[in-house]
Amino acid sequence: MNYNINLVNRVREFLAEVPNIDVEEKEMFAVLNFMVNGKTCVCVRGEDLMLRFNPQLQEELSERKGYETMLMKGGSGLNLHDFV
């Protein structure tokens, strides 16, 4: 797999701090998927981060630097360099 290990580790660290969730990592479709409670939540591919979010936040999130619409219901792409 071709993904930024530093970004992957940041996602792992963040999810490890969230209480009462079951996280599983799966490599598929050329990305590393973080499954939370059995559903894809975050994906890392190369330098890109794709995440699932509440569709009601679409307008607010679309104004953030690095936002890119992905072909995934409720998904968003963020450029690694803009990820905070």
C-alpha atoms as a PDB file:
ATOM      1  CA  MET A   1       0.000   0.000   0.000  1.00  0.00           C
ATOM      2  CA  ASN A   2       1.125   3.499  -0.760  1.00  0.00           C
ATOM      3  CA  TYR A   3       0.087   5.844   2.059  1.00  0.00           C
ATOM      4  CA  ASN A   4       1.720   8.368   4.331  1.00  0.00           C
ATOM      5  CA  ILE A   5       2.614   6.466   7.507  1.00  0.00           C
ATOM      6  CA  ASN A   6       2.782   9.696   9.540  1.00  0.00           C
ATOM      7  CA  LEU A   7      -0.806  10.504   8.598  1.00  0.00           C
ATOM      8  CA  VAL A   8      -1.849   6.924   9.367  1.00  0.00           C
ATOM      9  CA  ASN A   9      -0.243   7.167  12.804  1.00  0.00           C
ATOM     10  CA  ARG A  10      -2.017  10.455  13.520  1.00  0.00           C
ATOM     11  CA  VAL A  11      -5.354   8.843  12.681  1.00  0.00           C
ATOM     12  CA  ARG A  12      -4.507   5.822  14.870  1.00  0.00           C
ATOM     13  CA  GLU A  13      -3.588   8.077  17.796  1.00  0.00           C
ATOM     14  CA  PHE A  14      -6.753  10.139  17.428  1.00  0.00           C
ATOM     15  CA  LEU A  15      -9.078   7.136  17.219  1.00  0.00           C
ATOM     16  CA  ALA A  16      -7.330   5.446  20.168  1.00  0.00           C
ATOM     17  CA  GLU A  17      -8.440   8.363  22.345  1.00  0.00           C
ATOM     18  CA  VAL A  18     -12.138   8.041  21.444  1.00  0.00           C
ATOM     19  CA  PRO A  19     -13.960   6.033  24.117  1.00  0.00           C
ATOM     20  CA  ASN A  20     -16.320   3.135  23.441  1.00  0.00           C
ATOM     21  CA  ILE A  21     -15.538   2.492  19.767  1.00  0.00           C
ATOM     22  CA  ASP A  22     -14.240  -0.607  18.010  1.00  0.00           C
ATOM     23  CA  VAL A  23     -11.564   0.267  15.413  1.00  0.00           C
ATOM     24  CA  GLU A  24     -10.340  -2.131  12.736  1.00  0.00           C
ATOM     25  CA  GLU A  25      -7.852  -1.339   9.960  1.00  0.00           C
ATOM     26  CA  LYS A  26      -8.391  -2.853   6.510  1.00  0.00           C
ATOM     27  CA  GLU A  27      -6.341  -2.414   3.369  1.00  0.00           C
ATOM     28  CA  MET A  28      -8.620  -2.374   0.315  1.00  0.00           C
ATOM     29  CA  PHE A  29      -9.159  -0.411  -2.875  1.00  0.00           C
ATOM     30  CA  ALA A  30      -5.563   0.948  -2.637  1.00  0.00           C
ATOM     31  CA  VAL A  31      -6.281   2.697   0.670  1.00  0.00           C
ATOM     32  CA  LEU A  32      -5.990   1.984   4.374  1.00  0.00           C
ATOM     33  CA  ASN A  33      -9.492   2.059   5.831  1.00  0.00           C
ATOM     34  CA  PHE A  34     -10.252   2.672   9.476  1.00  0.00           C
ATOM     35  CA  MET A  35     -13.490   0.905  10.247  1.00  0.00           C
ATOM     36  CA  VAL A  36     -15.289   2.241  13.324  1.00  0.00           C
ATOM     37  CA  ASN A  37     -17.954  -0.029  14.750  1.00  0.00           C
ATOM     38  CA  GLY A  38     -17.996  -1.955  11.466  1.00  0.00           C
ATOM     39  CA  LYS A  39     -18.336   1.027   9.112  1.00  0.00           C
ATOM     40  CA  THR A  40     -15.744   2.913   7.093  1.00  0.00           C
ATOM     41  CA  CYS A  41     -14.969   6.139   8.906  1.00  0.00           C
ATOM     42  CA  VAL A  42     -11.545   7.325   7.726  1.00  0.00           C
ATOM     43  CA  CYS A  43      -9.421   6.324   4.730  1.00  0.00           C
ATOM     44  CA  VAL A  44      -5.817   7.217   3.954  1.00  0.00           C
ATOM     45  CA  ARG A  45      -4.463   7.006   0.407  1.00  0.00           C
ATOM     46  CA  GLY A  46      -1.070   8.456  -0.375  1.00  0.00           C
ATOM     47  CA  GLU A  47      -1.086  11.977   1.048  1.00  0.00           C
ATOM     48  CA  ASP A  48      -4.885  12.191   1.159  1.00  0.00           C
ATOM     49  CA  LEU A  49      -7.344  11.703   3.990  1.00  0.00           C
ATOM     50  CA  MET A  50     -10.976  10.878   3.307  1.00  0.00           C
ATOM     51  CA  LEU A  51     -13.505  10.892   6.105  1.00  0.00           C
ATOM     52  CA  ARG A  52     -17.169  10.380   6.714  1.00  0.00           C
ATOM     53  CA  PHE A  53     -19.059  13.214   8.374  1.00  0.00           C
ATOM     54  CA  ASN A  54     -22.563  14.410   9.099  1.00  0.00           C
ATOM     55  CA  PRO A  55     -24.044  15.668   5.780  1.00  0.00           C
ATOM     56  CA  GLN A  56     -25.501  18.654   7.646  1.00  0.00           C
ATOM     57  CA  LEU A  57     -21.907  19.928   8.010  1.00  0.00           C
ATOM     58  CA  GLN A  58     -21.292  19.898   4.228  1.00  0.00           C
ATOM     59  CA  GLU A  59     -21.536  23.668   3.700  1.00  0.00           C
ATOM     60  CA  GLU A  60     -19.402  24.534   6.732  1.00  0.00           C
ATOM     61  CA  LEU A  61     -16.693  21.988   5.900  1.00  0.00           C
ATOM     62  CA  SER A  62     -16.603  22.900   2.207  1.00  0.00           C
ATOM     63  CA  GLU A  63     -15.224  26.310   3.194  1.00  0.00           C
ATOM     64  CA  ARG A  64     -12.148  24.779   4.866  1.00  0.00           C
ATOM     65  CA  LYS A  65      -8.784  24.894   3.149  1.00  0.00           C
ATOM     66  CA  GLY A  66      -7.965  21.544   1.541  1.00  0.00           C
ATOM     67  CA  TYR A  67     -11.599  20.395   1.243  1.00  0.00           C
ATOM     68  CA  GLU A  68     -12.410  18.292  -1.780  1.00  0.00           C
ATOM     69  CA  THR A  69     -15.692  16.512  -2.489  1.00  0.00           C
ATOM     70  CA  MET A  70     -15.234  12.750  -2.868  1.00  0.00           C
ATOM     71  CA  LEU A  71     -17.504  10.188  -4.504  1.00  0.00           C
ATOM     72  CA  MET A  72     -18.757   8.840  -1.198  1.00  0.00           C
ATOM     73  CA  LYS A  73     -21.989   9.717   0.517  1.00  0.00           C
ATOM     74  CA  GLY A  74     -21.091  11.978   3.434  1.00  0.00           C
ATOM     75  CA  GLY A  75     -17.402  11.943   2.507  1.00  0.00           C
ATOM     76  CA  SER A  76     -14.778  14.600   2.273  1.00  0.00           C
ATOM     77  CA  GLY A  77     -11.157  14.724   1.173  1.00  0.00           C
ATOM     78  CA  LEU A  78      -8.509  16.779   2.930  1.00  0.00           C
ATOM     79  CA  ASN A  79      -5.013  17.469   1.648  1.00  0.00           C
ATOM     80  CA  LEU A  80      -2.417  16.266   4.169  1.00  0.00           C
ATOM     81  CA  HIS A  81      -0.606  19.603   4.137  1.00  0.00           C
ATOM     82  CA  ASP A  82      -3.792  21.363   5.240  1.00  0.00           C
ATOM     83  CA  PHE A  83      -4.790  18.761   7.832  1.00  0.00           C
ATOM     84  CA  VAL A  84      -4.670  20.099  11.375  1.00  0.00           C
END
